């Protein structure tokens, strides 16, 4: 499996970055085409989200 990484500077307040990261965690289907839906199972801590992601089987 290939691994690609990169870095970039982001000029935004930490609150905005956190908001966008949470959106990606809570609604991955908006960002990952193979995800058909997701469910938040719980929030066991202030910075923890338990979730299920359902993937398209490719057919």
N, C-alpha and C. Protein backbone atom coordinates (compact mmCIF):
# COMPACT_ATOMS: atom_id res chain seq x y z
N UNK A 1 0.85 -1.17 0.00
CA UNK A 1 0.00 0.00 0.00
C UNK A 1 0.90 1.24 0.00
N UNK A 2 0.58 2.18 -0.85
CA UNK A 2 1.34 3.42 -0.93
C UNK A 2 0.95 4.34 0.22
N UNK A 3 1.91 5.08 0.70
CA UNK A 3 1.67 6.06 1.75
C UNK A 3 2.13 7.42 1.25
N UNK A 4 1.24 8.39 1.32
CA UNK A 4 1.56 9.73 0.88
C UNK A 4 1.30 10.68 2.04
N UNK A 5 2.19 11.61 2.24
CA UNK A 5 1.96 12.61 3.29
C UNK A 5 2.45 13.97 2.80
N UNK A 6 1.91 15.00 3.41
CA UNK A 6 2.35 16.36 3.11
C UNK A 6 2.00 17.25 4.28
N UNK A 7 2.61 18.41 4.30
CA UNK A 7 2.33 19.38 5.35
C UNK A 7 2.00 20.71 4.70
N UNK A 8 1.16 21.46 5.38
CA UNK A 8 0.85 22.81 4.92
C UNK A 8 0.50 23.67 6.12
N UNK A 9 0.78 24.92 6.02
CA UNK A 9 0.45 25.86 7.09
C UNK A 9 -1.01 26.31 6.91
N UNK A 10 -1.75 26.32 7.99
CA UNK A 10 -3.14 26.76 7.96
C UNK A 10 -3.25 28.00 8.83
N UNK A 11 -3.73 29.06 8.24
CA UNK A 11 -3.87 30.32 8.96
C UNK A 11 -5.34 30.50 9.35
N UNK A 12 -5.73 29.85 10.45
CA UNK A 12 -7.11 29.93 10.92
C UNK A 12 -7.11 29.76 12.44
N UNK A 13 -8.10 30.31 13.10
CA UNK A 13 -8.21 30.12 14.55
C UNK A 13 -8.44 28.64 14.88
N UNK A 14 -7.92 28.21 16.01
CA UNK A 14 -8.03 26.81 16.42
C UNK A 14 -9.49 26.38 16.54
N UNK A 15 -10.37 27.29 16.91
CA UNK A 15 -11.79 26.94 17.04
C UNK A 15 -12.38 26.53 15.69
N UNK A 16 -11.99 27.22 14.64
CA UNK A 16 -12.48 26.89 13.29
C UNK A 16 -11.91 25.55 12.85
N UNK A 17 -10.63 25.33 13.10
CA UNK A 17 -10.03 24.04 12.74
C UNK A 17 -10.72 22.90 13.47
N UNK A 18 -10.98 23.08 14.76
CA UNK A 18 -11.64 22.03 15.54
C UNK A 18 -13.05 21.77 15.00
N UNK A 19 -13.76 22.82 14.65
CA UNK A 19 -15.11 22.68 14.10
C UNK A 19 -15.08 21.85 12.82
N UNK A 20 -14.12 22.10 11.95
CA UNK A 20 -14.03 21.36 10.69
C UNK A 20 -13.60 19.91 10.92
N UNK A 21 -12.71 19.68 11.87
CA UNK A 21 -12.33 18.30 12.19
C UNK A 21 -13.52 17.52 12.74
N UNK A 22 -14.29 18.14 13.61
CA UNK A 22 -15.49 17.47 14.14
C UNK A 22 -16.48 17.16 13.02
N UNK A 23 -16.64 18.08 12.09
CA UNK A 23 -17.55 17.82 10.98
C UNK A 23 -17.10 16.60 10.18
N UNK A 24 -15.80 16.48 9.96
CA UNK A 24 -15.29 15.33 9.21
C UNK A 24 -15.49 14.03 9.98
N UNK A 25 -15.35 14.08 11.30
CA UNK A 25 -15.56 12.88 12.12
C UNK A 25 -17.04 12.52 12.18
N UNK A 26 -17.90 13.52 12.33
CA UNK A 26 -19.32 13.28 12.52
C UNK A 26 -20.06 12.97 11.22
N UNK A 27 -19.58 13.46 10.09
CA UNK A 27 -20.23 13.21 8.80
C UNK A 27 -19.19 12.83 7.75
N UNK A 28 -18.55 11.67 7.92
CA UNK A 28 -17.49 11.28 6.97
C UNK A 28 -18.01 11.07 5.55
N UNK A 29 -19.30 10.78 5.40
CA UNK A 29 -19.84 10.56 4.05
C UNK A 29 -19.74 11.81 3.18
N UNK A 30 -19.61 12.98 3.79
CA UNK A 30 -19.44 14.21 3.02
C UNK A 30 -18.03 14.33 2.45
N UNK A 31 -17.08 13.57 3.01
CA UNK A 31 -15.68 13.73 2.64
C UNK A 31 -15.05 12.47 2.04
N UNK A 32 -15.63 11.30 2.33
CA UNK A 32 -15.06 10.03 1.87
C UNK A 32 -16.11 9.36 0.98
N UNK A 33 -15.88 9.32 -0.33
CA UNK A 33 -16.90 8.81 -1.25
C UNK A 33 -17.39 7.39 -0.95
N UNK A 34 -16.54 6.53 -0.43
CA UNK A 34 -16.94 5.14 -0.18
C UNK A 34 -17.87 4.99 1.02
N UNK A 35 -17.96 6.02 1.86
CA UNK A 35 -18.83 5.94 3.04
C UNK A 35 -20.26 6.29 2.62
N UNK A 36 -21.18 5.37 2.85
CA UNK A 36 -22.57 5.61 2.47
C UNK A 36 -23.37 6.25 3.59
N UNK A 37 -23.02 5.93 4.84
CA UNK A 37 -23.64 6.57 5.99
C UNK A 37 -22.81 6.28 7.22
N UNK A 38 -23.09 7.01 8.28
CA UNK A 38 -22.38 6.80 9.53
C UNK A 38 -23.33 7.02 10.69
N UNK A 39 -22.96 6.46 11.82
CA UNK A 39 -23.76 6.60 13.04
C UNK A 39 -22.83 6.96 14.19
N UNK A 40 -23.21 7.96 14.95
CA UNK A 40 -22.49 8.29 16.18
C UNK A 40 -23.06 7.39 17.27
N UNK A 41 -22.21 6.56 17.87
CA UNK A 41 -22.65 5.62 18.90
C UNK A 41 -22.60 6.24 20.29
N UNK A 42 -21.71 7.18 20.45
CA UNK A 42 -21.60 7.82 21.76
C UNK A 42 -20.44 8.79 21.79
N UNK A 43 -20.37 9.50 22.88
CA UNK A 43 -19.29 10.46 23.11
C UNK A 43 -18.77 10.21 24.53
N UNK A 44 -17.87 9.24 24.66
CA UNK A 44 -17.41 8.86 25.99
C UNK A 44 -16.55 9.91 26.70
N UNK A 45 -16.08 10.88 25.97
CA UNK A 45 -15.27 11.93 26.58
C UNK A 45 -15.42 13.22 25.80
N UNK A 46 -14.86 14.30 26.30
CA UNK A 46 -15.04 15.59 25.63
C UNK A 46 -14.41 15.65 24.24
N UNK A 47 -13.41 14.84 23.99
CA UNK A 47 -12.73 14.85 22.69
C UNK A 47 -12.75 13.48 22.04
N UNK A 48 -13.78 12.68 22.34
CA UNK A 48 -13.86 11.32 21.83
C UNK A 48 -15.23 11.07 21.24
N UNK A 49 -15.26 10.47 20.04
CA UNK A 49 -16.51 10.11 19.39
C UNK A 49 -16.40 8.66 18.95
N UNK A 50 -17.36 7.83 19.36
CA UNK A 50 -17.45 6.46 18.87
C UNK A 50 -18.43 6.46 17.71
N UNK A 51 -18.03 5.89 16.57
CA UNK A 51 -18.91 5.92 15.41
C UNK A 51 -18.78 4.64 14.61
N UNK A 52 -19.80 4.39 13.82
CA UNK A 52 -19.79 3.34 12.81
C UNK A 52 -19.82 4.02 11.45
N UNK A 53 -19.05 3.48 10.51
CA UNK A 53 -19.11 3.96 9.13
C UNK A 53 -19.50 2.78 8.25
N UNK A 54 -20.44 3.01 7.36
CA UNK A 54 -20.88 2.00 6.42
C UNK A 54 -20.28 2.33 5.06
N UNK A 55 -19.58 1.35 4.49
CA UNK A 55 -18.89 1.56 3.23
C UNK A 55 -19.64 0.93 2.08
N UNK A 56 -19.57 1.57 0.93
CA UNK A 56 -20.10 1.02 -0.31
C UNK A 56 -19.26 -0.20 -0.67
N UNK A 57 -19.90 -1.28 -1.06
CA UNK A 57 -19.15 -2.50 -1.38
C UNK A 57 -18.53 -2.46 -2.77
N UNK A 58 -18.74 -1.38 -3.51
CA UNK A 58 -18.12 -1.22 -4.81
C UNK A 58 -18.88 -1.82 -5.97
N UNK A 59 -20.07 -2.35 -5.71
CA UNK A 59 -20.85 -2.93 -6.81
C UNK A 59 -21.93 -1.98 -7.26
